[in-house]
Amino acid sequence: KRTSLVNDLAKEHEESEERDSQEASERHQSISSSLDDKVAAVLAARRSQFKKEMAEKEGSLQEDEKERLLAEHAAELAKLEKTLAGQKDKQLHSLKARMEERMKLKA
C-alpha cells in the first residue's frame, strides 16, 4: 500500500510538472504571437505613413528623389524590423528565464 501511495504521488508530481511545462509553453507561444502582431502593426503603420507622405509630395518629386526616398524608406524599415526583432528576442529570453526560475522554485 505504501509503495502504491509513493507511486501515486510520484505520478501526480510528474503530471503536475507536465501541466506546468505545457502552460509555460503555451504562455510563451501566446506572448511570442502577440509580439509578432505588435511588430507587424508598427511596420504597417510606418509603411502607411510613408505612403501618405509620398502621396502628398507626388507632384513635386523628381524621379531620382523618389527613388532615393524609397531606398531610404526600405533601409529604415529593415533597421526598424531588426530592432523590433531584437527587442522581441530579449523579451522572450527574459520571459523564459522567469518561467524557468518559477519552475525551479516549484520543484
PDB file of N, CA and C in Angstrom:
ATOM      1  N   LYS A   1       0.818  -1.184   0.000  1.00  0.00           N
ATOM      2  CA  LYS A   1       0.000   0.000   0.000  1.00  0.00           C
ATOM      3  C   LYS A   1       0.870   1.260   0.000  1.00  0.00           C
ATOM      4  N   ARG A   2       1.924   1.243   0.763  1.00  0.00           N
ATOM      5  CA  ARG A   2       2.816   2.389   0.848  1.00  0.00           C
ATOM      6  C   ARG A   2       3.496   2.631  -0.505  1.00  0.00           C
ATOM      7  N   THR A   3       3.904   1.582  -1.167  1.00  0.00           N
ATOM      8  CA  THR A   3       4.532   1.696  -2.481  1.00  0.00           C
ATOM      9  C   THR A   3       3.549   2.309  -3.469  1.00  0.00           C
ATOM     10  N   SER A   4       2.317   1.880  -3.386  1.00  0.00           N
ATOM     11  CA  SER A   4       1.277   2.423  -4.264  1.00  0.00           C
ATOM     12  C   SER A   4       1.093   3.918  -4.017  1.00  0.00           C
ATOM     13  N   LEU A   5       1.112   4.336  -2.773  1.00  0.00           N
ATOM     14  CA  LEU A   5       0.966   5.745  -2.427  1.00  0.00           C
ATOM     15  C   LEU A   5       2.146   6.554  -2.962  1.00  0.00           C
ATOM     16  N   VAL A   6       3.343   6.023  -2.802  1.00  0.00           N
ATOM     17  CA  VAL A   6       4.547   6.692  -3.293  1.00  0.00           C
ATOM     18  C   VAL A   6       4.483   6.814  -4.819  1.00  0.00           C
ATOM     19  N   ASN A   7       4.075   5.737  -5.474  1.00  0.00           N
ATOM     20  CA  ASN A   7       3.951   5.763  -6.937  1.00  0.00           C
ATOM     21  C   ASN A   7       2.897   6.774  -7.384  1.00  0.00           C
ATOM     22  N   ASP A   8       1.788   6.809  -6.654  1.00  0.00           N
ATOM     23  CA  ASP A   8       0.734   7.769  -6.981  1.00  0.00           C
ATOM     24  C   ASP A   8       1.224   9.206  -6.819  1.00  0.00           C
ATOM     25  N   LEU A   9       1.955   9.458  -5.738  1.00  0.00           N
ATOM     26  CA  LEU A   9       2.491  10.805  -5.508  1.00  0.00           C
ATOM     27  C   LEU A   9       3.505  11.186  -6.588  1.00  0.00           C
ATOM     28  N   ALA A  10       4.343  10.228  -6.954  1.00  0.00           N
ATOM     29  CA  ALA A  10       5.340  10.486  -7.999  1.00  0.00           C
ATOM     30  C   ALA A  10       4.657  10.773  -9.325  1.00  0.00           C
ATOM     31  N   LYS A  11       3.639   9.991  -9.636  1.00  0.00           N
ATOM     32  CA  LYS A  11       2.909  10.187 -10.883  1.00  0.00           C
ATOM     33  C   LYS A  11       2.194  11.546 -10.867  1.00  0.00           C
ATOM     34  N   GLU A  12       1.603  11.886  -9.751  1.00  0.00           N
ATOM     35  CA  GLU A  12       0.905  13.159  -9.607  1.00  0.00           C
ATOM     36  C   GLU A  12       1.890  14.325  -9.788  1.00  0.00           C
ATOM     37  N   HIS A  13       3.065  14.191  -9.186  1.00  0.00           N
ATOM     38  CA  HIS A  13       4.093  15.225  -9.315  1.00  0.00           C
ATOM     39  C   HIS A  13       4.541  15.356 -10.776  1.00  0.00           C
ATOM     40  N   GLU A  14       4.735  14.244 -11.441  1.00  0.00           N
ATOM     41  CA  GLU A  14       5.159  14.249 -12.834  1.00  0.00           C
ATOM     42  C   GLU A  14       4.089  14.894 -13.724  1.00  0.00           C
ATOM     43  N   GLU A  15       2.838  14.560 -13.487  1.00  0.00           N
ATOM     44  CA  GLU A  15       1.739  15.148 -14.255  1.00  0.00           C
ATOM     45  C   GLU A  15       1.643  16.650 -14.006  1.00  0.00           C
ATOM     46  N   SER A  16       1.871  17.053 -12.771  1.00  0.00           N
ATOM     47  CA  SER A  16       1.846  18.476 -12.431  1.00  0.00           C
ATOM     48  C   SER A  16       2.961  19.219 -13.168  1.00  0.00           C
ATOM     49  N   GLU A  17       4.140  18.626 -13.216  1.00  0.00           N
ATOM     50  CA  GLU A  17       5.263  19.250 -13.928  1.00  0.00           C
ATOM     51  C   GLU A  17       4.970  19.347 -15.420  1.00  0.00           C
ATOM     52  N   GLU A  18       4.346  18.301 -15.972  1.00  0.00           N
ATOM     53  CA  GLU A  18       3.992  18.324 -17.385  1.00  0.00           C
ATOM     54  C   GLU A  18       2.976  19.425 -17.677  1.00  0.00           C
ATOM     55  N   ARG A  19       1.973  19.556 -16.812  1.00  0.00           N
ATOM     56  CA  ARG A  19       0.977  20.614 -16.984  1.00  0.00           C
ATOM     57  C   ARG A  19       1.634  21.991 -16.899  1.00  0.00           C
ATOM     58  N   ASP A  20       2.497  22.169 -15.913  1.00  0.00           N
ATOM     59  CA  ASP A  20       3.192  23.451 -15.761  1.00  0.00           C
ATOM     60  C   ASP A  20       4.037  23.759 -16.984  1.00  0.00           C
ATOM     61  N   SER A  21       4.723  22.744 -17.482  1.00  0.00           N
ATOM     62  CA  SER A  21       5.561  22.923 -18.663  1.00  0.00           C
ATOM     63  C   SER A  21       4.709  23.277 -19.879  1.00  0.00           C
ATOM     64  N   GLN A  22       3.596  22.590 -20.033  1.00  0.00           N
ATOM     65  CA  GLN A  22       2.697  22.868 -21.158  1.00  0.00           C
ATOM     66  C   GLN A  22       2.119  24.275 -21.055  1.00  0.00           C
ATOM     67  N   GLU A  23       1.709  24.667 -19.855  1.00  0.00           N
ATOM     68  CA  GLU A  23       1.178  26.020 -19.656  1.00  0.00           C
ATOM     69  C   GLU A  23       2.235  27.070 -19.959  1.00  0.00           C
ATOM     70  N   ALA A  24       3.454  26.811 -19.533  1.00  0.00           N
ATOM     71  CA  ALA A  24       4.546  27.754 -19.800  1.00  0.00           C
ATOM     72  C   ALA A  24       4.796  27.863 -21.301  1.00  0.00           C
ATOM     73  N   SER A  25       4.769  26.733 -21.970  1.00  0.00           N
ATOM     74  CA  SER A  25       4.982  26.716 -23.414  1.00  0.00           C
ATOM     75  C   SER A  25       3.865  27.481 -24.131  1.00  0.00           C
ATOM     76  N   GLU A  26       2.635  27.263 -23.713  1.00  0.00           N
ATOM     77  CA  GLU A  26       1.505  27.967 -24.318  1.00  0.00           C
ATOM     78  C   GLU A  26       1.588  29.468 -24.049  1.00  0.00           C
ATOM     79  N   ARG A  27       1.979  29.845 -22.836  1.00  0.00           N
ATOM     80  CA  ARG A  27       2.130  31.256 -22.485  1.00  0.00           C
ATOM     81  C   ARG A  27       3.232  31.893 -23.335  1.00  0.00           C
ATOM     82  N   HIS A  28       4.331  31.178 -23.489  1.00  0.00           N
ATOM     83  CA  HIS A  28       5.449  31.664 -24.301  1.00  0.00           C
ATOM     84  C   HIS A  28       4.991  31.871 -25.745  1.00  0.00           C
ATOM     85  N   GLN A  29       4.270  30.903 -26.282  1.00  0.00           N
ATOM     86  CA  GLN A  29       3.790  30.994 -27.660  1.00  0.00           C
ATOM     87  C   GLN A  29       2.807  32.149 -27.824  1.00  0.00           C
ATOM     88  N   SER A  30       1.943  32.319 -26.850  1.00  0.00           N
ATOM     89  CA  SER A  30       0.959  33.396 -26.899  1.00  0.00           C
ATOM     90  C   SER A  30       1.644  34.763 -26.885  1.00  0.00           C
ATOM     91  N   ILE A  31       2.613  34.913 -26.018  1.00  0.00           N
ATOM     92  CA  ILE A  31       3.340  36.179 -25.932  1.00  0.00           C
ATOM     93  C   ILE A  31       4.144  36.423 -27.200  1.00  0.00           C
ATOM     94  N   SER A  32       4.760  35.371 -27.718  1.00  0.00           N
ATOM     95  CA  SER A  32       5.514  35.492 -28.971  1.00  0.00           C
ATOM     96  C   SER A  32       4.604  35.948 -30.105  1.00  0.00           C
ATOM     97  N   SER A  33       3.440  35.353 -30.181  1.00  0.00           N
ATOM     98  CA  SER A  33       2.475  35.714 -31.217  1.00  0.00           C
ATOM     99  C   SER A  33       2.017  37.161 -31.041  1.00  0.00           C
ATOM    100  N   SER A  34       1.776  37.556 -29.811  1.00  0.00           N
ATOM    101  CA  SER A  34       1.360  38.924 -29.523  1.00  0.00           C
ATOM    102  C   SER A  34       2.445  39.918 -29.933  1.00  0.00           C
ATOM    103  N   LEU A  35       3.685  39.583 -29.633  1.00  0.00           N
ATOM    104  CA  LEU A  35       4.794  40.459 -30.023  1.00  0.00           C
ATOM    105  C   LEU A  35       4.919  40.531 -31.546  1.00  0.00           C
ATOM    106  N   ASP A  36       4.714  39.392 -32.221  1.00  0.00           N
ATOM    107  CA  ASP A  36       4.744  39.392 -33.690  1.00  0.00           C
ATOM    108  C   ASP A  36       3.676  40.331 -34.246  1.00  0.00           C
ATOM    109  N   ASP A  37       2.489  40.274 -33.642  1.00  0.00           N
ATOM    110  CA  ASP A  37       1.392  41.148 -34.076  1.00  0.00           C
ATOM    111  C   ASP A  37       1.752  42.618 -33.873  1.00  0.00           C
ATOM    112  N   LYS A  38       2.375  42.920 -32.749  1.00  0.00           N
ATOM    113  CA  LYS A  38       2.764  44.306 -32.473  1.00  0.00           C
ATOM    114  C   LYS A  38       3.820  44.788 -33.466  1.00  0.00           C
ATOM    115  N   VAL A  39       4.786  43.925 -33.768  1.00  0.00           N
ATOM    116  CA  VAL A  39       5.824  44.276 -34.739  1.00  0.00           C
ATOM    117  C   VAL A  39       5.185  44.543 -36.096  1.00  0.00           C
ATOM    118  N   ALA A  40       4.290  43.657 -36.508  1.00  0.00           N
ATOM    119  CA  ALA A  40       3.612  43.826 -37.796  1.00  0.00           C
ATOM    120  C   ALA A  40       2.811  45.124 -37.824  1.00  0.00           C
ATOM    121  N   ALA A  41       2.161  45.457 -36.721  1.00  0.00           N
ATOM    122  CA  ALA A  41       1.367  46.687 -36.656  1.00  0.00           C
ATOM    123  C   ALA A  41       2.259  47.924 -36.755  1.00  0.00           C
ATOM    124  N   VAL A  42       3.396  47.907 -36.085  1.00  0.00           N
ATOM    125  CA  VAL A  42       4.324  49.049 -36.140  1.00  0.00           C
ATOM    126  C   VAL A  42       4.842  49.225 -37.566  1.00  0.00           C
ATOM    127  N   LEU A  43       5.232  48.118 -38.195  1.00  0.00           N
ATOM    128  CA  LEU A  43       5.745  48.193 -39.566  1.00  0.00           C
ATOM    129  C   LEU A  43       4.661  48.658 -40.538  1.00  0.00           C
ATOM    130  N   ALA A  44       3.445  48.147 -40.369  1.00  0.00           N
ATOM    131  CA  ALA A  44       2.335  48.554 -41.243  1.00  0.00           C
ATOM    132  C   ALA A  44       2.031  50.042 -41.067  1.00  0.00           C
ATOM    133  N   ALA A  45       2.075  50.522 -39.827  1.00  0.00           N
ATOM    134  CA  ALA A  45       1.827  51.942 -39.575  1.00  0.00           C
ATOM    135  C   ALA A  45       2.894  52.802 -40.248  1.00  0.00           C
ATOM    136  N   ARG A  46       4.136  52.355 -40.160  1.00  0.00           N
ATOM    137  CA  ARG A  46       5.228  53.122 -40.783  1.00  0.00           C
ATOM    138  C   ARG A  46       5.086  53.120 -42.307  1.00  0.00           C
ATOM    139  N   ARG A  47       4.716  51.975 -42.882  1.00  0.00           N
ATOM    140  CA  ARG A  47       4.509  51.913 -44.331  1.00  0.00           C
ATOM    141  C   ARG A  47       3.373  52.848 -44.752  1.00  0.00           C
ATOM    142  N   SER A  48       2.307  52.821 -43.985  1.00  0.00           N
ATOM    143  CA  SER A  48       1.150  53.671 -44.279  1.00  0.00           C
ATOM    144  C   SER A  48       1.522  55.152 -44.191  1.00  0.00           C
ATOM    145  N   GLN A  49       2.279  55.496 -43.173  1.00  0.00           N
ATOM    146  CA  GLN A  49       2.719  56.879 -43.007  1.00  0.00           C
ATOM    147  C   GLN A  49       3.581  57.300 -44.199  1.00  0.00           C
ATOM    148  N   PHE A  50       4.468  56.410 -44.621  1.00  0.00           N
ATOM    149  CA  PHE A  50       5.336  56.730 -45.754  1.00  0.00           C
ATOM    150  C   PHE A  50       4.513  56.913 -47.033  1.00  0.00           C
ATOM    151  N   LYS A  51       3.543  56.032 -47.258  1.00  0.00           N
ATOM    152  CA  LYS A  51       2.695  56.160 -48.448  1.00  0.00           C
ATOM    153  C   LYS A  51       1.968  57.506 -48.450  1.00  0.00           C
ATOM    154  N   LYS A  52       1.488  57.892 -47.284  1.00  0.00           N
ATOM    155  CA  LYS A  52       0.780  59.173 -47.171  1.00  0.00           C
ATOM    156  C   LYS A  52       1.728  60.327 -47.493  1.00  0.00           C
ATOM    157  N   GLU A  53       2.929  60.275 -46.932  1.00  0.00           N
ATOM    158  CA  GLU A  53       3.917  61.322 -47.188  1.00  0.00           C
ATOM    159  C   GLU A  53       4.285  61.383 -48.667  1.00  0.00           C
ATOM    160  N   MET A  54       4.427  60.211 -49.280  1.00  0.00           N
ATOM    161  CA  MET A  54       4.773  60.165 -50.709  1.00  0.00           C
ATOM    162  C   MET A  54       3.634  60.715 -51.562  1.00  0.00           C
ATOM    163  N   ALA A  55       2.401  60.407 -51.183  1.00  0.00           N
ATOM    164  CA  ALA A  55       1.247  60.903 -51.940  1.00  0.00           C
ATOM    165  C   ALA A  55       1.175  62.430 -51.867  1.00  0.00           C
ATOM    166  N   GLU A  56       1.506  62.983 -50.701  1.00  0.00           N
ATOM    167  CA  GLU A  56       1.489  64.439 -50.540  1.00  0.00           C
ATOM    168  C   GLU A  56       2.562  65.120 -51.388  1.00  0.00           C
ATOM    169  N   LYS A  57       3.682  64.434 -51.601  1.00  0.00           N
ATOM    170  CA  LYS A  57       4.802  65.011 -52.347  1.00  0.00           C
ATOM    171  C   LYS A  57       4.820  64.577 -53.814  1.00  0.00           C
ATOM    172  N   GLU A  58       3.878  63.761 -54.208  1.00  0.00           N
ATOM    173  CA  GLU A  58       3.898  63.110 -55.525  1.00  0.00           C
ATOM    174  C   GLU A  58       4.232  64.056 -56.681  1.00  0.00           C
ATOM    175  N   GLY A  59       3.546  65.149 -56.769  1.00  0.00           N
ATOM    176  CA  GLY A  59       3.757  66.045 -57.909  1.00  0.00           C
ATOM    177  C   GLY A  59       5.062  66.820 -57.870  1.00  0.00           C
ATOM    178  N   SER A  60       5.630  66.985 -56.702  1.00  0.00           N
ATOM    179  CA  SER A  60       6.816  67.837 -56.579  1.00  0.00           C
ATOM    180  C   SER A  60       8.130  67.066 -56.566  1.00  0.00           C
ATOM    181  N   LEU A  61       8.080  65.748 -56.683  1.00  0.00           N
ATOM    182  CA  LEU A  61       9.309  64.944 -56.619  1.00  0.00           C
ATOM    183  C   LEU A  61       9.843  64.601 -58.006  1.00  0.00           C
ATOM    184  N   GLN A  62      11.133  64.736 -58.132  1.00  0.00           N
ATOM    185  CA  GLN A  62      11.815  64.252 -59.326  1.00  0.00           C
ATOM    186  C   GLN A  62      11.962  62.739 -59.178  1.00  0.00           C
ATOM    187  N   GLU A  63      12.155  62.057 -60.276  1.00  0.00           N
ATOM    188  CA  GLU A  63      12.256  60.591 -60.240  1.00  0.00           C
ATOM    189  C   GLU A  63      13.420  60.126 -59.360  1.00  0.00           C
ATOM    190  N   ASP A  64      14.564  60.807 -59.440  1.00  0.00           N
ATOM    191  CA  ASP A  64      15.706  60.407 -58.624  1.00  0.00           C
ATOM    192  C   ASP A  64      15.441  60.639 -57.139  1.00  0.00           C
ATOM    193  N   GLU A  65      14.705  61.726 -56.803  1.00  0.00           N
ATOM    194  CA  GLU A  65      14.333  61.973 -55.405  1.00  0.00           C
ATOM    195  C   GLU A  65      13.397  60.882 -54.901  1.00  0.00           C
ATOM    196  N   LYS A  66      12.468  60.520 -55.746  1.00  0.00           N
ATOM    197  CA  LYS A  66      11.502  59.481 -55.398  1.00  0.00           C
ATOM    198  C   LYS A  66      12.228  58.155 -55.116  1.00  0.00           C
ATOM    199  N   GLU A  67      13.151  57.795 -55.988  1.00  0.00           N
ATOM    200  CA  GLU A  67      13.925  56.565 -55.810  1.00  0.00           C
ATOM    201  C   GLU A  67      14.763  56.612 -54.530  1.00  0.00           C
ATOM    202  N   ARG A  68      15.355  57.777 -54.262  1.00  0.00           N
ATOM    203  CA  ARG A  68      16.161  57.940 -53.052  1.00  0.00           C
ATOM    204  C   ARG A  68      15.290  57.763 -51.801  1.00  0.00           C
ATOM    205  N   LEU A  69      14.113  58.394 -51.800  1.00  0.00           N
ATOM    206  CA  LEU A  69      13.204  58.268 -50.658  1.00  0.00           C
ATOM    207  C   LEU A  69      12.729  56.817 -50.473  1.00  0.00           C
ATOM    208  N   LEU A  70      12.447  56.146 -51.573  1.00  0.00           N
ATOM    209  CA  LEU A  70      12.035  54.739 -51.487  1.00  0.00           C
ATOM    210  C   LEU A  70      13.159  53.871 -50.910  1.00  0.00           C
ATOM    211  N   ALA A  71      14.382  54.136 -51.332  1.00  0.00           N
ATOM    212  CA  ALA A  71      15.528  53.380 -50.818  1.00  0.00           C
ATOM    213  C   ALA A  71      15.742  53.675 -49.328  1.00  0.00           C
ATOM    214  N   GLU A  72      15.622  54.933 -48.949  1.00  0.00           N
ATOM    215  CA  GLU A  72      15.763  55.292 -47.535  1.00  0.00           C
ATOM    216  C   GLU A  72      14.677  54.632 -46.698  1.00  0.00           C
ATOM    217  N   HIS A  73      13.468  54.630 -47.242  1.00  0.00           N
ATOM    218  CA  HIS A  73      12.347  54.005 -46.535  1.00  0.00           C
ATOM    219  C   HIS A  73      12.591  52.507 -46.347  1.00  0.00           C
ATOM    220  N   ALA A  74      13.051  51.845 -47.392  1.00  0.00           N
ATOM    221  CA  ALA A  74      13.327  50.404 -47.301  1.00  0.00           C
ATOM    222  C   ALA A  74      14.409  50.131 -46.255  1.00  0.00           C
ATOM    223  N   ALA A  75      15.441  50.966 -46.246  1.00  0.00           N
ATOM    224  CA  ALA A  75      16.516  50.797 -45.257  1.00  0.00           C
ATOM    225  C   ALA A  75      15.996  51.058 -43.847  1.00  0.00           C
ATOM    226  N   GLU A  76      15.155  52.086 -43.706  1.00  0.00           N
ATOM    227  CA  GLU A  76      14.581  52.412 -42.406  1.00  0.00           C
ATOM    228  C   GLU A  76      13.707  51.250 -41.890  1.00  0.00           C
ATOM    229  N   LEU A  77      12.897  50.694 -42.783  1.00  0.00           N
ATOM    230  CA  LEU A  77      12.047  49.557 -42.387  1.00  0.00           C
ATOM    231  C   LEU A  77      12.888  48.348 -41.976  1.00  0.00           C
ATOM    232  N   ALA A  78      13.946  48.083 -42.723  1.00  0.00           N
ATOM    233  CA  ALA A  78      14.819  46.950 -42.394  1.00  0.00           C
ATOM    234  C   ALA A  78      15.463  47.155 -41.024  1.00  0.00           C
ATOM    235  N   LYS A  79      15.923  48.365 -40.762  1.00  0.00           N
ATOM    236  CA  LYS A  79      16.540  48.673 -39.466  1.00  0.00           C
ATOM    237  C   LYS A  79      15.515  48.564 -38.339  1.00  0.00           C
ATOM    238  N   LEU A  80      14.320  49.103 -38.573  1.00  0.00           N
ATOM    239  CA  LEU A  80      13.259  49.039 -37.577  1.00  0.00           C
ATOM    240  C   LEU A  80      12.864  47.596 -37.293  1.00  0.00           C
ATOM    241  N   GLU A  81      12.742  46.808 -38.356  1.00  0.00           N
ATOM    242  CA  GLU A  81      12.383  45.397 -38.187  1.00  0.00           C
ATOM    243  C   GLU A  81      13.448  44.645 -37.387  1.00  0.00           C
ATOM    244  N   LYS A  82      14.702  44.938 -37.663  1.00  0.00           N
ATOM    245  CA  LYS A  82      15.799  44.297 -36.930  1.00  0.00           C
ATOM    246  C   LYS A  82      15.776  44.707 -35.459  1.00  0.00           C
ATOM    247  N   THR A  83      15.545  45.982 -35.207  1.00  0.00           N
ATOM    248  CA  THR A  83      15.466  46.481 -33.832  1.00  0.00           C
ATOM    249  C   THR A  83      14.320  45.824 -33.076  1.00  0.00           C
ATOM    250  N   LEU A  84      13.154  45.769 -33.716  1.00  0.00           N
ATOM    251  CA  LEU A  84      11.985  45.176 -33.070  1.00  0.00           C
ATOM    252  C   LEU A  84      12.180  43.675 -32.838  1.00  0.00           C
ATOM    253  N   ALA A  85      12.825  43.004 -33.780  1.00  0.00           N
ATOM    254  CA  ALA A  85      13.099  41.577 -33.606  1.00  0.00           C
ATOM    255  C   ALA A  85      14.051  41.368 -32.428  1.00  0.00           C
ATOM    256  N   GLY A  86      15.036  42.242 -32.286  1.00  0.00           N
ATOM    257  CA  GLY A  86      15.954  42.161 -31.153  1.00  0.00           C
ATOM    258  C   GLY A  86      15.238  42.376 -29.830  1.00  0.00           C
ATOM    259  N   GLN A  87      14.332  43.333 -29.809  1.00  0.00           N
ATOM    260  CA  GLN A  87      13.560  43.592 -28.588  1.00  0.00           C
ATOM    261  C   GLN A  87      12.667  42.395 -28.255  1.00  0.00           C
ATOM    262  N   LYS A  88      12.066  41.824 -29.283  1.00  0.00           N
ATOM    263  CA  LYS A  88      11.209  40.648 -29.079  1.00  0.00           C
ATOM    264  C   LYS A  88      12.037  39.502 -28.492  1.00  0.00           C
ATOM    265  N   ASP A  89      13.194  39.241 -29.088  1.00  0.00           N
ATOM    266  CA  ASP A  89      14.055  38.163 -28.589  1.00  0.00           C
ATOM    267  C   ASP A  89      14.459  38.407 -27.139  1.00  0.00           C
ATOM    268  N   LYS A  90      14.779  39.646 -26.823  1.00  0.00           N
ATOM    269  CA  LYS A  90      15.171  39.998 -25.456  1.00  0.00           C
ATOM    270  C   LYS A  90      14.018  39.745 -24.483  1.00  0.00           C
ATOM    271  N   GLN A  91      12.808  40.151 -24.866  1.00  0.00           N
ATOM    272  CA  GLN A  91      11.648  39.943 -24.006  1.00  0.00           C
ATOM    273  C   GLN A  91      11.344  38.457 -23.832  1.00  0.00           C
ATOM    274  N   LEU A  92      11.436  37.698 -24.923  1.00  0.00           N
ATOM    275  CA  LEU A  92      11.167  36.268 -24.832  1.00  0.00           C
ATOM    276  C   LEU A  92      12.230  35.549 -23.993  1.00  0.00           C
ATOM    277  N   HIS A  93      13.468  35.988 -24.116  1.00  0.00           N
ATOM    278  CA  HIS A  93      14.541  35.398 -23.308  1.00  0.00           C
ATOM    279  C   HIS A  93      14.293  35.678 -21.823  1.00  0.00           C
ATOM    280  N   SER A  94      13.915  36.905 -21.524  1.00  0.00           N
ATOM    281  CA  SER A  94      13.617  37.278 -20.140  1.00  0.00           C
ATOM    282  C   SER A  94      12.433  36.469 -19.614  1.00  0.00           C
ATOM    283  N   LEU A  95      11.409  36.328 -20.426  1.00  0.00           N
ATOM    284  CA  LEU A  95      10.242  35.541 -20.045  1.00  0.00           C
ATOM    285  C   LEU A  95      10.627  34.088 -19.772  1.00  0.00           C
ATOM    286  N   LYS A  96      11.429  33.521 -20.645  1.00  0.00           N
ATOM    287  CA  LYS A  96      11.864  32.137 -20.478  1.00  0.00           C
ATOM    288  C   LYS A  96      12.653  31.973 -19.180  1.00  0.00           C
ATOM    289  N   ALA A  97      13.529  32.913 -18.892  1.00  0.00           N
ATOM    290  CA  ALA A  97      14.319  32.850 -17.667  1.00  0.00           C
ATOM    291  C   ALA A  97      13.418  32.917 -16.432  1.00  0.00           C
ATOM    292  N   ARG A  98      12.414  33.803 -16.474  1.00  0.00           N
ATOM    293  CA  ARG A  98      11.485  33.902 -15.337  1.00  0.00           C
ATOM    294  C   ARG A  98      10.682  32.617 -15.167  1.00  0.00           C
ATOM    295  N   MET A  99      10.253  32.028 -16.279  1.00  0.00           N
ATOM    296  CA  MET A  99       9.490  30.774 -16.207  1.00  0.00           C
ATOM    297  C   MET A  99      10.351  29.640 -15.651  1.00  0.00           C
ATOM    298  N   GLU A 100      11.592  29.578 -16.115  1.00  0.00           N
ATOM    299  CA  GLU A 100      12.496  28.540 -15.616  1.00  0.00           C
ATOM    300  C   GLU A 100      12.738  28.714 -14.119  1.00  0.00           C
ATOM    301  N   GLU A 101      12.908  29.947 -13.679  1.00  0.00           N
ATOM    302  CA  GLU A 101      13.115  30.220 -12.257  1.00  0.00           C
ATOM    303  C   GLU A 101      11.888  29.806 -11.456  1.00  0.00           C
ATOM    304  N   ARG A 102      10.711  30.115 -11.984  1.00  0.00           N
ATOM    305  CA  ARG A 102       9.479  29.738 -11.309  1.00  0.00           C
ATOM    306  C   ARG A 102       9.340  28.201 -11.216  1.00  0.00           C
ATOM    307  N   MET A 103       9.750  27.517 -12.285  1.00  0.00           N
ATOM    308  CA  MET A 103       9.681  26.043 -12.277  1.00  0.00           C
ATOM    309  C   MET A 103      10.664  25.471 -11.248  1.00  0.00           C
ATOM    310  N   LYS A 104      11.831  26.086 -11.103  1.00  0.00           N
ATOM    311  CA  LYS A 104      12.803  25.618 -10.111  1.00  0.00           C
ATOM    312  C   LYS A 104      12.267  25.794  -8.704  1.00  0.00           C
ATOM    313  N   LEU A 105      11.588  26.915  -8.475  1.00  0.00           N
ATOM    314  CA  LEU A 105      11.033  27.176  -7.146  1.00  0.00           C
ATOM    315  C   LEU A 105       9.913  26.192  -6.805  1.00  0.00           C
ATOM    316  N   LYS A 106       9.166  25.755  -7.817  1.00  0.00           N
ATOM    317  CA  LYS A 106       8.087  24.793  -7.578  1.00  0.00           C
ATOM    318  C   LYS A 106       8.626  23.388  -7.279  1.00  0.00           C
ATOM    319  N   ALA A 107       9.785  23.095  -7.842  1.00  0.00           N
ATOM    320  CA  ALA A 107      10.347  21.735  -7.692  1.00  0.00           C
ATOM    321  C   ALA A 107      10.904  21.482  -6.318  1.00  0.00           C
TER     322      ALA A 107
END
